[in-house]
Amino acid sequence: MMNASNRLFLEILCVSGILMSILLVNNIFLYKQKVGEIHLDPGDRILLYTDGVVEAHDKSGGLYGNDRLEKMLDSSRNLTGEQVLQQILNDVNVFAAGVPQFDDITMIVLSIKTQEENT
């Protein structure tokens, strides 16, 4: 997550078994499992990703890893959410070039906006 004061911090929330069930019904998110709470302010962003991102392998068997992902996030502070996703995906593809993808790579960036920004 990157907060509005441009401090980057990585908090990994894990749930044993199925990661989380989220259902969208009439534009209301229903969560089957409560993992924890974090306070979000306008300008904060959250990256949600599957383990296929950090577990991508290079030719020598090394993992992409959380450290490399965190460096990518740190270098993308001024990018849009879409640009952040593209930058990370490009970096994962360069890292894992020539190695078959063995797991899904799924990412979502959530950007917290003010009410004025939403109108």
PDB file of N, CA and C in Angstrom:
ATOM      1  N   MET A   1       0.843  -1.172   0.000  1.00  0.00           N
ATOM      2  CA  MET A   1       0.000   0.000   0.000  1.00  0.00           C
ATOM      3  C   MET A   1       0.884   1.228   0.000  1.00  0.00           C
ATOM      4  N   MET A   2       0.456   2.268  -0.679  1.00  0.00           N
ATOM      5  CA  MET A   2       1.147   3.543  -0.651  1.00  0.00           C
ATOM      6  C   MET A   2       0.156   4.567  -0.113  1.00  0.00           C
ATOM      7  N   ASN A   3       0.556   5.280   0.941  1.00  0.00           N
ATOM      8  CA  ASN A   3      -0.398   6.250   1.464  1.00  0.00           C
ATOM      9  C   ASN A   3      -0.152   7.630   0.875  1.00  0.00           C
ATOM     10  N   ALA A   4      -1.086   8.529   1.134  1.00  0.00           N
ATOM     11  CA  ALA A   4      -1.078   9.851   0.494  1.00  0.00           C
ATOM     12  C   ALA A   4       0.168  10.656   0.848  1.00  0.00           C
ATOM     13  N   SER A   5       0.797  10.365   1.965  1.00  0.00           N
ATOM     14  CA  SER A   5       2.009  11.096   2.342  1.00  0.00           C
ATOM     15  C   SER A   5       3.238  10.503   1.666  1.00  0.00           C
ATOM     16  N   ASN A   6       3.000   9.615   0.672  1.00  0.00           N
ATOM     17  CA  ASN A   6       4.061   8.994  -0.126  1.00  0.00           C
ATOM     18  C   ASN A   6       4.971   8.081   0.682  1.00  0.00           C
ATOM     19  N   ARG A   7       4.484   7.587   1.807  1.00  0.00           N
ATOM     20  CA  ARG A   7       5.221   6.556   2.524  1.00  0.00           C
ATOM     21  C   ARG A   7       4.741   5.215   2.002  1.00  0.00           C
ATOM     22  N   LEU A   8       5.669   4.406   1.607  1.00  0.00           N
ATOM     23  CA  LEU A   8       5.341   3.083   1.082  1.00  0.00           C
ATOM     24  C   LEU A   8       5.497   2.082   2.206  1.00  0.00           C
ATOM     25  N   PHE A   9       4.482   1.268   2.395  1.00  0.00           N
ATOM     26  CA  PHE A   9       4.662   0.165   3.312  1.00  0.00           C
ATOM     27  C   PHE A   9       3.936  -1.042   2.757  1.00  0.00           C
ATOM     28  N   LEU A  10       4.511  -2.174   3.022  1.00  0.00           N
ATOM     29  CA  LEU A  10       3.982  -3.418   2.500  1.00  0.00           C
ATOM     30  C   LEU A  10       3.427  -4.210   3.659  1.00  0.00           C
ATOM     31  N   GLU A  11       2.161  -4.487   3.602  1.00  0.00           N
ATOM     32  CA  GLU A  11       1.523  -5.313   4.618  1.00  0.00           C
ATOM     33  C   GLU A  11       0.863  -6.462   3.887  1.00  0.00           C
ATOM     34  N   ILE A  12       1.260  -7.652   4.239  1.00  0.00           N
ATOM     35  CA  ILE A  12       0.723  -8.831   3.577  1.00  0.00           C
ATOM     36  C   ILE A  12      -0.323  -9.443   4.492  1.00  0.00           C
ATOM     37  N   LEU A  13      -1.549  -9.481   4.011  1.00  0.00           N
ATOM     38  CA  LEU A  13      -2.639 -10.097   4.756  1.00  0.00           C
ATOM     39  C   LEU A  13      -2.917 -11.448   4.131  1.00  0.00           C
ATOM     40  N   CYS A  14      -2.762 -12.496   4.900  1.00  0.00           N
ATOM     41  CA  CYS A  14      -2.965 -13.850   4.384  1.00  0.00           C
ATOM     42  C   CYS A  14      -4.096 -14.533   5.134  1.00  0.00           C
ATOM     43  N   VAL A  15      -4.780 -15.361   4.431  1.00  0.00           N
ATOM     44  CA  VAL A  15      -5.833 -16.174   5.014  1.00  0.00           C
ATOM     45  C   VAL A  15      -5.544 -17.602   4.593  1.00  0.00           C
ATOM     46  N   SER A  16      -5.625 -18.525   5.538  1.00  0.00           N
ATOM     47  CA  SER A  16      -5.369 -19.915   5.147  1.00  0.00           C
ATOM     48  C   SER A  16      -6.518 -20.414   4.287  1.00  0.00           C
ATOM     49  N   GLY A  17      -6.202 -21.322   3.397  1.00  0.00           N
ATOM     50  CA  GLY A  17      -7.227 -21.861   2.503  1.00  0.00           C
ATOM     51  C   GLY A  17      -7.516 -20.878   1.389  1.00  0.00           C
ATOM     52  N   ILE A  18      -8.769 -20.727   1.052  1.00  0.00           N
ATOM     53  CA  ILE A  18      -9.175 -19.797  -0.002  1.00  0.00           C
ATOM     54  C   ILE A  18      -8.864 -18.386   0.464  1.00  0.00           C
ATOM     55  N   LEU A  19      -8.234 -17.612  -0.433  1.00  0.00           N
ATOM     56  CA  LEU A  19      -7.760 -16.288  -0.044  1.00  0.00           C
ATOM     57  C   LEU A  19      -8.867 -15.426   0.550  1.00  0.00           C
ATOM     58  N   MET A  20      -9.885 -15.156  -0.195  1.00  0.00           N
ATOM     59  CA  MET A  20     -10.995 -14.352   0.286  1.00  0.00           C
ATOM     60  C   MET A  20     -12.120 -14.476  -0.712  1.00  0.00           C
ATOM     61  N   SER A  21     -13.333 -14.483  -0.246  1.00  0.00           N
ATOM     62  CA  SER A  21     -14.475 -14.492  -1.145  1.00  0.00           C
ATOM     63  C   SER A  21     -15.104 -13.114  -1.144  1.00  0.00           C
ATOM     64  N   ILE A  22     -15.199 -12.524  -2.314  1.00  0.00           N
ATOM     65  CA  ILE A  22     -15.820 -11.209  -2.448  1.00  0.00           C
ATOM     66  C   ILE A  22     -16.925 -11.337  -3.481  1.00  0.00           C
ATOM     67  N   LEU A  23     -18.069 -10.843  -3.148  1.00  0.00           N
ATOM     68  CA  LEU A  23     -19.218 -10.928  -4.038  1.00  0.00           C
ATOM     69  C   LEU A  23     -19.754  -9.524  -4.249  1.00  0.00           C
ATOM     70  N   LEU A  24     -19.973  -9.158  -5.477  1.00  0.00           N
ATOM     71  CA  LEU A  24     -20.530  -7.846  -5.792  1.00  0.00           C
ATOM     72  C   LEU A  24     -22.004  -8.017  -6.122  1.00  0.00           C
ATOM     73  N   VAL A  25     -22.855  -7.435  -5.279  1.00  0.00           N
ATOM     74  CA  VAL A  25     -24.303  -7.505  -5.478  1.00  0.00           C
ATOM     75  C   VAL A  25     -24.838  -6.086  -5.412  1.00  0.00           C
ATOM     76  N   ASN A  26     -25.437  -5.636  -6.488  1.00  0.00           N
ATOM     77  CA  ASN A  26     -25.999  -4.282  -6.535  1.00  0.00           C
ATOM     78  C   ASN A  26     -24.998  -3.234  -6.071  1.00  0.00           C
ATOM     79  N   ASN A  27     -23.752  -3.346  -6.547  1.00  0.00           N
ATOM     80  CA  ASN A  27     -22.676  -2.405  -6.232  1.00  0.00           C
ATOM     81  C   ASN A  27     -22.282  -2.387  -4.759  1.00  0.00           C
ATOM     82  N   ILE A  28     -22.616  -3.425  -4.018  1.00  0.00           N
ATOM     83  CA  ILE A  28     -22.216  -3.536  -2.616  1.00  0.00           C
ATOM     84  C   ILE A  28     -21.315  -4.759  -2.491  1.00  0.00           C
ATOM     85  N   PHE A  29     -20.126  -4.555  -1.939  1.00  0.00           N
ATOM     86  CA  PHE A  29     -19.219  -5.674  -1.739  1.00  0.00           C
ATOM     87  C   PHE A  29     -19.599  -6.418  -0.466  1.00  0.00           C
ATOM     88  N   LEU A  30     -19.747  -7.706  -0.572  1.00  0.00           N
ATOM     89  CA  LEU A  30     -20.025  -8.546   0.584  1.00  0.00           C
ATOM     90  C   LEU A  30     -18.807  -9.434   0.820  1.00  0.00           C
ATOM     91  N   TYR A  31     -18.258  -9.401   2.000  1.00  0.00           N
ATOM     92  CA  TYR A  31     -17.083 -10.192   2.316  1.00  0.00           C
ATOM     93  C   TYR A  31     -17.507 -11.382   3.172  1.00  0.00           C
ATOM     94  N   LYS A  32     -17.061 -12.551   2.806  1.00  0.00           N
ATOM     95  CA  LYS A  32     -17.374 -13.745   3.583  1.00  0.00           C
ATOM     96  C   LYS A  32     -16.434 -13.906   4.763  1.00  0.00           C
ATOM     97  N   GLN A  33     -15.311 -13.256   4.714  1.00  0.00           N
ATOM     98  CA  GLN A  33     -14.303 -13.467   5.731  1.00  0.00           C
ATOM     99  C   GLN A  33     -13.657 -12.135   6.072  1.00  0.00           C
ATOM    100  N   LYS A  34     -13.576 -11.807   7.351  1.00  0.00           N
ATOM    101  CA  LYS A  34     -12.928 -10.565   7.749  1.00  0.00           C
ATOM    102  C   LYS A  34     -11.503 -10.890   8.173  1.00  0.00           C
ATOM    103  N   VAL A  35     -10.546 -10.300   7.470  1.00  0.00           N
ATOM    104  CA  VAL A  35      -9.140 -10.568   7.723  1.00  0.00           C
ATOM    105  C   VAL A  35      -8.572  -9.561   8.708  1.00  0.00           C
ATOM    106  N   GLY A  36      -8.900  -8.320   8.535  1.00  0.00           N
ATOM    107  CA  GLY A  36      -8.373  -7.258   9.373  1.00  0.00           C
ATOM    108  C   GLY A  36      -8.885  -5.930   8.881  1.00  0.00           C
ATOM    109  N   GLU A  37      -8.441  -4.866   9.497  1.00  0.00           N
ATOM    110  CA  GLU A  37      -8.862  -3.527   9.110  1.00  0.00           C
ATOM    111  C   GLU A  37      -7.655  -2.638   8.955  1.00  0.00           C
ATOM    112  N   ILE A  38      -7.716  -1.750   7.963  1.00  0.00           N
ATOM    113  CA  ILE A  38      -6.732  -0.691   7.820  1.00  0.00           C
ATOM    114  C   ILE A  38      -7.489   0.583   7.492  1.00  0.00           C
ATOM    115  N   HIS A  39      -6.983   1.698   7.977  1.00  0.00           N
ATOM    116  CA  HIS A  39      -7.610   2.994   7.701  1.00  0.00           C
ATOM    117  C   HIS A  39      -7.044   3.547   6.402  1.00  0.00           C
ATOM    118  N   LEU A  40      -7.916   4.007   5.525  1.00  0.00           N
ATOM    119  CA  LEU A  40      -7.495   4.567   4.241  1.00  0.00           C
ATOM    120  C   LEU A  40      -7.927   6.019   4.133  1.00  0.00           C
ATOM    121  N   ASP A  41      -7.051   6.828   3.582  1.00  0.00           N
ATOM    122  CA  ASP A  41      -7.328   8.242   3.365  1.00  0.00           C
ATOM    123  C   ASP A  41      -7.299   8.537   1.872  1.00  0.00           C
ATOM    124  N   PRO A  42      -7.938   9.642   1.444  1.00  0.00           N
ATOM    125  CA  PRO A  42      -7.839  10.019   0.036  1.00  0.00           C
ATOM    126  C   PRO A  42      -6.372  10.111  -0.395  1.00  0.00           C
ATOM    127  N   GLY A  43      -6.079   9.548  -1.542  1.00  0.00           N
ATOM    128  CA  GLY A  43      -4.716   9.519  -2.048  1.00  0.00           C
ATOM    129  C   GLY A  43      -4.003   8.205  -1.787  1.00  0.00           C
ATOM    130  N   ASP A  44      -4.501   7.422  -0.844  1.00  0.00           N
ATOM    131  CA  ASP A  44      -3.910   6.105  -0.577  1.00  0.00           C
ATOM    132  C   ASP A  44      -4.218   5.163  -1.724  1.00  0.00           C
ATOM    133  N   ARG A  45      -3.330   4.203  -1.959  1.00  0.00           N
ATOM    134  CA  ARG A  45      -3.558   3.180  -2.975  1.00  0.00           C
ATOM    135  C   ARG A  45      -3.196   1.821  -2.399  1.00  0.00           C
ATOM    136  N   ILE A  46      -3.914   0.823  -2.855  1.00  0.00           N
ATOM    137  CA  ILE A  46      -3.665  -0.553  -2.432  1.00  0.00           C
ATOM    138  C   ILE A  46      -3.458  -1.395  -3.675  1.00  0.00           C
ATOM    139  N   LEU A  47      -2.445  -2.243  -3.635  1.00  0.00           N
ATOM    140  CA  LEU A  47      -2.233  -3.219  -4.697  1.00  0.00           C
ATOM    141  C   LEU A  47      -2.651  -4.580  -4.156  1.00  0.00           C
ATOM    142  N   LEU A  48      -3.617  -5.189  -4.805  1.00  0.00           N
ATOM    143  CA  LEU A  48      -4.019  -6.559  -4.501  1.00  0.00           C
ATOM    144  C   LEU A  48      -3.434  -7.440  -5.595  1.00  0.00           C
ATOM    145  N   TYR A  49      -2.817  -8.547  -5.215  1.00  0.00           N
ATOM    146  CA  TYR A  49      -2.186  -9.399  -6.214  1.00  0.00           C
ATOM    147  C   TYR A  49      -2.184 -10.851  -5.758  1.00  0.00           C
ATOM    148  N   THR A  50      -2.131 -11.728  -6.737  1.00  0.00           N
ATOM    149  CA  THR A  50      -2.052 -13.152  -6.436  1.00  0.00           C
ATOM    150  C   THR A  50      -0.587 -13.549  -6.279  1.00  0.00           C
ATOM    151  N   ASP A  51      -0.372 -14.710  -5.718  1.00  0.00           N
ATOM    152  CA  ASP A  51       0.991 -15.174  -5.471  1.00  0.00           C
ATOM    153  C   ASP A  51       1.773 -15.427  -6.746  1.00  0.00           C
ATOM    154  N   GLY A  52       1.089 -15.514  -7.882  1.00  0.00           N
ATOM    155  CA  GLY A  52       1.784 -15.692  -9.153  1.00  0.00           C
ATOM    156  C   GLY A  52       2.697 -14.536  -9.500  1.00  0.00           C
ATOM    157  N   VAL A  53       2.442 -13.353  -8.924  1.00  0.00           N
ATOM    158  CA  VAL A  53       3.309 -12.197  -9.170  1.00  0.00           C
ATOM    159  C   VAL A  53       4.650 -12.410  -8.469  1.00  0.00           C
ATOM    160  N   VAL A  54       4.628 -12.610  -7.165  1.00  0.00           N
ATOM    161  CA  VAL A  54       5.875 -12.708  -6.391  1.00  0.00           C
ATOM    162  C   VAL A  54       6.553 -14.067  -6.527  1.00  0.00           C
ATOM    163  N   GLU A  55       5.823 -15.075  -7.018  1.00  0.00           N
ATOM    164  CA  GLU A  55       6.412 -16.400  -7.194  1.00  0.00           C
ATOM    165  C   GLU A  55       6.809 -16.687  -8.636  1.00  0.00           C
ATOM    166  N   ALA A  56       6.798 -15.659  -9.493  1.00  0.00           N
ATOM    167  CA  ALA A  56       7.294 -15.835 -10.859  1.00  0.00           C
ATOM    168  C   ALA A  56       8.781 -16.180 -10.775  1.00  0.00           C
ATOM    169  N   HIS A  57       9.220 -17.135 -11.609  1.00  0.00           N
ATOM    170  CA  HIS A  57      10.605 -17.615 -11.586  1.00  0.00           C
ATOM    171  C   HIS A  57      11.402 -17.061 -12.757  1.00  0.00           C
ATOM    172  N   ASP A  58      12.696 -16.877 -12.527  1.00  0.00           N
ATOM    173  CA  ASP A  58      13.594 -16.566 -13.635  1.00  0.00           C
ATOM    174  C   ASP A  58      14.265 -17.858 -14.091  1.00  0.00           C
ATOM    175  N   LYS A  59      15.163 -17.768 -15.074  1.00  0.00           N
ATOM    176  CA  LYS A  59      15.789 -18.968 -15.640  1.00  0.00           C
ATOM    177  C   LYS A  59      16.612 -19.755 -14.622  1.00  0.00           C
ATOM    178  N   SER A  60      17.117 -19.091 -13.602  1.00  0.00           N
ATOM    179  CA  SER A  60      17.924 -19.788 -12.597  1.00  0.00           C
ATOM    180  C   SER A  60      17.090 -20.294 -11.429  1.00  0.00           C
ATOM    181  N   GLY A  61      15.766 -20.100 -11.493  1.00  0.00           N
ATOM    182  CA  GLY A  61      14.882 -20.583 -10.435  1.00  0.00           C
ATOM    183  C   GLY A  61      14.625 -19.585  -9.326  1.00  0.00           C
ATOM    184  N   GLY A  62      15.184 -18.383  -9.447  1.00  0.00           N
ATOM    185  CA  GLY A  62      14.952 -17.352  -8.439  1.00  0.00           C
ATOM    186  C   GLY A  62      13.537 -16.808  -8.520  1.00  0.00           C
ATOM    187  N   LEU A  63      13.030 -16.325  -7.403  1.00  0.00           N
ATOM    188  CA  LEU A  63      11.678 -15.769  -7.336  1.00  0.00           C
ATOM    189  C   LEU A  63      11.700 -14.256  -7.536  1.00  0.00           C
ATOM    190  N   TYR A  64      10.632 -13.742  -8.149  1.00  0.00           N
ATOM    191  CA  TYR A  64      10.466 -12.292  -8.297  1.00  0.00           C
ATOM    192  C   TYR A  64      10.471 -11.650  -6.910  1.00  0.00           C
ATOM    193  N   GLY A  65       9.649 -12.128  -6.014  1.00  0.00           N
ATOM    194  CA  GLY A  65       9.704 -11.757  -4.602  1.00  0.00           C
ATOM    195  C   GLY A  65       9.072 -10.435  -4.213  1.00  0.00           C
ATOM    196  N   ASN A  66       8.818 -10.328  -2.909  1.00  0.00           N
ATOM    197  CA  ASN A  66       8.210  -9.123  -2.336  1.00  0.00           C
ATOM    198  C   ASN A  66       9.143  -7.924  -2.389  1.00  0.00           C
ATOM    199  N   ASP A  67      10.450  -8.143  -2.218  1.00  0.00           N
ATOM    200  CA  ASP A  67      11.386  -7.014  -2.235  1.00  0.00           C
ATOM    201  C   ASP A  67      11.392  -6.319  -3.587  1.00  0.00           C
ATOM    202  N   ARG A  68      11.413  -7.116  -4.654  1.00  0.00           N
ATOM    203  CA  ARG A  68      11.420  -6.520  -6.000  1.00  0.00           C
ATOM    204  C   ARG A  68      10.087  -5.819  -6.269  1.00  0.00           C
ATOM    205  N   LEU A  69       8.986  -6.421  -5.825  1.00  0.00           N
ATOM    206  CA  LEU A  69       7.672  -5.795  -5.993  1.00  0.00           C
ATOM    207  C   LEU A  69       7.620  -4.472  -5.240  1.00  0.00           C
ATOM    208  N   GLU A  70       8.145  -4.451  -4.034  1.00  0.00           N
ATOM    209  CA  GLU A  70       8.138  -3.219  -3.246  1.00  0.00           C
ATOM    210  C   GLU A  70       8.967  -2.131  -3.935  1.00  0.00           C
ATOM    211  N   LYS A  71      10.109  -2.490  -4.524  1.00  0.00           N
ATOM    212  CA  LYS A  71      10.921  -1.510  -5.257  1.00  0.00           C
ATOM    213  C   LYS A  71      10.161  -0.959  -6.466  1.00  0.00           C
ATOM    214  N   MET A  72       9.420  -1.830  -7.141  1.00  0.00           N
ATOM    215  CA  MET A  72       8.611  -1.369  -8.283  1.00  0.00           C
ATOM    216  C   MET A  72       7.542  -0.390  -7.821  1.00  0.00           C
ATOM    217  N   LEU A  73       6.890  -0.689  -6.708  1.00  0.00           N
ATOM    218  CA  LEU A  73       5.868   0.219  -6.178  1.00  0.00           C
ATOM    219  C   LEU A  73       6.492   1.552  -5.778  1.00  0.00           C
ATOM    220  N   ASP A  74       7.661   1.481  -5.162  1.00  0.00           N
ATOM    221  CA  ASP A  74       8.335   2.704  -4.731  1.00  0.00           C
ATOM    222  C   ASP A  74       8.679   3.586  -5.918  1.00  0.00           C
ATOM    223  N   SER A  75       9.022   2.981  -7.045  1.00  0.00           N
ATOM    224  CA  SER A  75       9.403   3.764  -8.227  1.00  0.00           C
ATOM    225  C   SER A  75       8.191   4.236  -9.030  1.00  0.00           C
ATOM    226  N   SER A  76       6.992   3.855  -8.607  1.00  0.00           N
ATOM    227  CA  SER A  76       5.798   4.212  -9.376  1.00  0.00           C
ATOM    228  C   SER A  76       4.856   5.141  -8.625  1.00  0.00           C
ATOM    229  N   ARG A  77       5.377   5.878  -7.689  1.00  0.00           N
ATOM    230  CA  ARG A  77       4.539   6.745  -6.839  1.00  0.00           C
ATOM    231  C   ARG A  77       3.698   7.746  -7.626  1.00  0.00           C
ATOM    232  N   ASN A  78       4.232   8.257  -8.707  1.00  0.00           N
ATOM    233  CA  ASN A  78       3.542   9.324  -9.443  1.00  0.00           C
ATOM    234  C   ASN A  78       2.774   8.817 -10.654  1.00  0.00           C
ATOM    235  N   LEU A  79       2.641   7.512 -10.790  1.00  0.00           N
ATOM    236  CA  LEU A  79       1.927   6.931 -11.923  1.00  0.00           C
ATOM    237  C   LEU A  79       0.463   6.704 -11.592  1.00  0.00           C
ATOM    238  N   THR A  80      -0.346   6.586 -12.623  1.00  0.00           N
ATOM    239  CA  THR A  80      -1.746   6.217 -12.420  1.00  0.00           C
ATOM    240  C   THR A  80      -1.810   4.743 -12.029  1.00  0.00           C
ATOM    241  N   GLY A  81      -2.943   4.313 -11.528  1.00  0.00           N
ATOM    242  CA  GLY A  81      -3.121   2.909 -11.179  1.00  0.00           C
ATOM    243  C   GLY A  81      -2.861   1.991 -12.360  1.00  0.00           C
ATOM    244  N   GLU A  82      -3.372   2.360 -13.522  1.00  0.00           N
ATOM    245  CA  GLU A  82      -3.171   1.550 -14.726  1.00  0.00           C
ATOM    246  C   GLU A  82      -1.692   1.473 -15.102  1.00  0.00           C
ATOM    247  N   GLN A  83      -0.987   2.588 -14.960  1.00  0.00           N
ATOM    248  CA  GLN A  83       0.440   2.597 -15.267  1.00  0.00           C
ATOM    249  C   GLN A  83       1.238   1.750 -14.281  1.00  0.00           C
ATOM    250  N   VAL A  84       0.825   1.757 -13.012  1.00  0.00           N
ATOM    251  CA  VAL A  84       1.480   0.924 -11.998  1.00  0.00           C
ATOM    252  C   VAL A  84       1.355  -0.543 -12.387  1.00  0.00           C
ATOM    253  N   LEU A  85       0.142  -0.966 -12.744  1.00  0.00           N
ATOM    254  CA  LEU A  85      -0.074  -2.357 -13.134  1.00  0.00           C
ATOM    255  C   LEU A  85       0.776  -2.730 -14.340  1.00  0.00           C
ATOM    256  N   GLN A  86       0.823  -1.865 -15.337  1.00  0.00           N
ATOM    257  CA  GLN A  86       1.604  -2.148 -16.541  1.00  0.00           C
ATOM    258  C   GLN A  86       3.089  -2.223 -16.233  1.00  0.00           C
ATOM    259  N   GLN A  87       3.565  -1.324 -15.388  1.00  0.00           N
ATOM    260  CA  GLN A  87       4.985  -1.317 -15.024  1.00  0.00           C
ATOM    261  C   GLN A  87       5.366  -2.607 -14.299  1.00  0.00           C
ATOM    262  N   ILE A  88       4.538  -3.039 -13.355  1.00  0.00           N
ATOM    263  CA  ILE A  88       4.827  -4.276 -12.630  1.00  0.00           C
ATOM    264  C   ILE A  88       4.778  -5.468 -13.576  1.00  0.00           C
ATOM    265  N   LEU A  89       3.741  -5.538 -14.406  1.00  0.00           N
ATOM    266  CA  LEU A  89       3.618  -6.659 -15.338  1.00  0.00           C
ATOM    267  C   LEU A  89       4.809  -6.714 -16.296  1.00  0.00           C
ATOM    268  N   ASN A  90       5.229  -5.567 -16.808  1.00  0.00           N
ATOM    269  CA  ASN A  90       6.400  -5.522 -17.691  1.00  0.00           C
ATOM    270  C   ASN A  90       7.642  -6.032 -16.965  1.00  0.00           C
ATOM    271  N   ASP A  91       7.809  -5.624 -15.706  1.00  0.00           N
ATOM    272  CA  ASP A  91       8.979  -6.046 -14.945  1.00  0.00           C
ATOM    273  C   ASP A  91       8.952  -7.546 -14.658  1.00  0.00           C
ATOM    274  N   VAL A  92       7.789  -8.074 -14.323  1.00  0.00           N
ATOM    275  CA  VAL A  92       7.664  -9.524 -14.102  1.00  0.00           C
ATOM    276  C   VAL A  92       7.996 -10.272 -15.390  1.00  0.00           C
ATOM    277  N   ASN A  93       7.502  -9.780 -16.514  1.00  0.00           N
ATOM    278  CA  ASN A  93       7.769 -10.440 -17.802  1.00  0.00           C
ATOM    279  C   ASN A  93       9.253 -10.412 -18.167  1.00  0.00           C
ATOM    280  N   VAL A  94       9.925  -9.301 -17.898  1.00  0.00           N
ATOM    281  CA  VAL A  94      11.366  -9.215 -18.157  1.00  0.00           C
ATOM    282  C   VAL A  94      12.102 -10.181 -17.227  1.00  0.00           C
ATOM    283  N   PHE A  95      11.727 -10.187 -15.950  1.00  0.00           N
ATOM    284  CA  PHE A  95      12.365 -11.064 -14.959  1.00  0.00           C
ATOM    285  C   PHE A  95      12.223 -12.534 -15.348  1.00  0.00           C
ATOM    286  N   ALA A  96      11.026 -12.919 -15.776  1.00  0.00           N
ATOM    287  CA  ALA A  96      10.724 -14.325 -16.055  1.00  0.00           C
ATOM    288  C   ALA A  96      10.847 -14.676 -17.533  1.00  0.00           C
ATOM    289  N   ALA A  97      11.544 -13.850 -18.312  1.00  0.00           N
ATOM    290  CA  ALA A  97      11.665 -14.087 -19.757  1.00  0.00           C
ATOM    291  C   ALA A  97      12.232 -15.475 -20.030  1.00  0.00           C
ATOM    292  N   GLY A  98      11.570 -16.198 -20.923  1.00  0.00           N
ATOM    293  CA  GLY A  98      12.033 -17.521 -21.319  1.00  0.00           C
ATOM    294  C   GLY A  98      11.600 -18.641 -20.405  1.00  0.00           C
ATOM    295  N   VAL A  99      10.850 -18.309 -19.351  1.00  0.00           N
ATOM    296  CA  VAL A  99      10.363 -19.329 -18.414  1.00  0.00           C
ATOM    297  C   VAL A  99       8.845 -19.397 -18.546  1.00  0.00           C
ATOM    298  N   PRO A 100       8.293 -20.600 -18.754  1.00  0.00           N
ATOM    299  CA  PRO A 100       6.834 -20.700 -18.873  1.00  0.00           C
ATOM    300  C   PRO A 100       6.133 -20.223 -17.593  1.00  0.00           C
ATOM    301  N   GLN A 101       5.054 -19.490 -17.772  1.00  0.00           N
ATOM    302  CA  GLN A 101       4.265 -19.028 -16.630  1.00  0.00           C
ATOM    303  C   GLN A 101       3.521 -20.219 -16.042  1.00  0.00           C
ATOM    304  N   PHE A 102       3.691 -20.467 -14.733  1.00  0.00           N
ATOM    305  CA  PHE A 102       3.083 -21.640 -14.105  1.00  0.00           C
ATOM    306  C   PHE A 102       1.891 -21.292 -13.227  1.00  0.00           C
ATOM    307  N   ASP A 103       1.662 -20.011 -13.003  1.00  0.00           N
ATOM    308  CA  ASP A 103       0.572 -19.595 -12.119  1.00  0.00           C
ATOM    309  C   ASP A 103      -0.045 -18.323 -12.692  1.00  0.00           C
ATOM    310  N   ASP A 104      -1.278 -18.036 -12.258  1.00  0.00           N
ATOM    311  CA  ASP A 104      -1.914 -16.817 -12.740  1.00  0.00           C
ATOM    312  C   ASP A 104      -1.205 -15.602 -12.167  1.00  0.00           C
ATOM    313  N   ILE A 105      -1.252 -14.515 -12.910  1.00  0.00           N
ATOM    314  CA  ILE A 105      -0.733 -13.235 -12.450  1.00  0.00           C
ATOM    315  C   ILE A 105      -1.900 -12.263 -12.529  1.00  0.00           C
ATOM    316  N   THR A 106      -2.437 -11.942 -11.365  1.00  0.00           N
ATOM    317  CA  THR A 106      -3.610 -11.085 -11.278  1.00  0.00           C
ATOM    318  C   THR A 106      -3.307  -9.934 -10.325  1.00  0.00           C
ATOM    319  N   MET A 107      -3.601  -8.712 -10.748  1.00  0.00           N
ATOM    320  CA  MET A 107      -3.347  -7.536  -9.914  1.00  0.00           C
ATOM    321  C   MET A 107      -4.488  -6.537 -10.068  1.00  0.00           C
ATOM    322  N   ILE A 108      -4.766  -5.846  -8.976  1.00  0.00           N
ATOM    323  CA  ILE A 108      -5.758  -4.769  -8.967  1.00  0.00           C
ATOM    324  C   ILE A 108      -5.176  -3.636  -8.133  1.00  0.00           C
ATOM    325  N   VAL A 109      -5.279  -2.418  -8.629  1.00  0.00           N
ATOM    326  CA  VAL A 109      -4.895  -1.246  -7.845  1.00  0.00           C
ATOM    327  C   VAL A 109      -6.171  -0.509  -7.457  1.00  0.00           C
ATOM    328  N   LEU A 110      -6.311  -0.253  -6.171  1.00  0.00           N
ATOM    329  CA  LEU A 110      -7.438   0.531  -5.660  1.00  0.00           C
ATOM    330  C   LEU A 110      -6.899   1.888  -5.231  1.00  0.00           C
ATOM    331  N   SER A 111      -7.481   2.955  -5.764  1.00  0.00           N
ATOM    332  CA  SER A 111      -7.074   4.313  -5.409  1.00  0.00           C
ATOM    333  C   SER A 111      -8.211   4.970  -4.643  1.00  0.00           C
ATOM    334  N   ILE A 112      -7.897   5.489  -3.462  1.00  0.00           N
ATOM    335  CA  ILE A 112      -8.909   6.142  -2.625  1.00  0.00           C
ATOM    336  C   ILE A 112      -8.970   7.614  -3.044  1.00  0.00           C
ATOM    337  N   LYS A 113     -10.175   8.049  -3.399  1.00  0.00           N
ATOM    338  CA  LYS A 113     -10.368   9.415  -3.864  1.00  0.00           C
ATOM    339  C   LYS A 113     -11.295  10.170  -2.923  1.00  0.00           C
ATOM    340  N   THR A 114     -11.288  11.488  -3.026  1.00  0.00           N
ATOM    341  CA  THR A 114     -12.228  12.304  -2.276  1.00  0.00           C
ATOM    342  C   THR A 114     -13.561  12.310  -2.999  1.00  0.00           C
ATOM    343  N   GLN A 115     -14.609  12.740  -2.341  1.00  0.00           N
ATOM    344  CA  GLN A 115     -15.918  12.812  -3.003  1.00  0.00           C
ATOM    345  C   GLN A 115     -15.866  13.742  -4.208  1.00  0.00           C
ATOM    346  N   GLU A 116     -15.102  14.829  -4.110  1.00  0.00           N
ATOM    347  CA  GLU A 116     -14.997  15.777  -5.206  1.00  0.00           C
ATOM    348  C   GLU A 116     -14.373  15.140  -6.426  1.00  0.00           C
ATOM    349  N   GLU A 117     -13.396  14.249  -6.224  1.00  0.00           N
ATOM    350  CA  GLU A 117     -12.751  13.575  -7.341  1.00  0.00           C
ATOM    351  C   GLU A 117     -13.680  12.567  -8.013  1.00  0.00           C
ATOM    352  N   ASN A 118     -14.668  12.099  -7.304  1.00  0.00           N
ATOM    353  CA  ASN A 118     -15.601  11.104  -7.845  1.00  0.00           C
ATOM    354  C   ASN A 118     -16.742  11.715  -8.638  1.00  0.00           C
ATOM    355  N   THR A 119     -16.883  13.049  -8.606  1.00  0.00           N
ATOM    356  CA  THR A 119     -17.992  13.679  -9.326  1.00  0.00           C
ATOM    357  C   THR A 119     -17.559  14.195 -10.666  1.00  0.00           C
TER     358      THR A 119
END
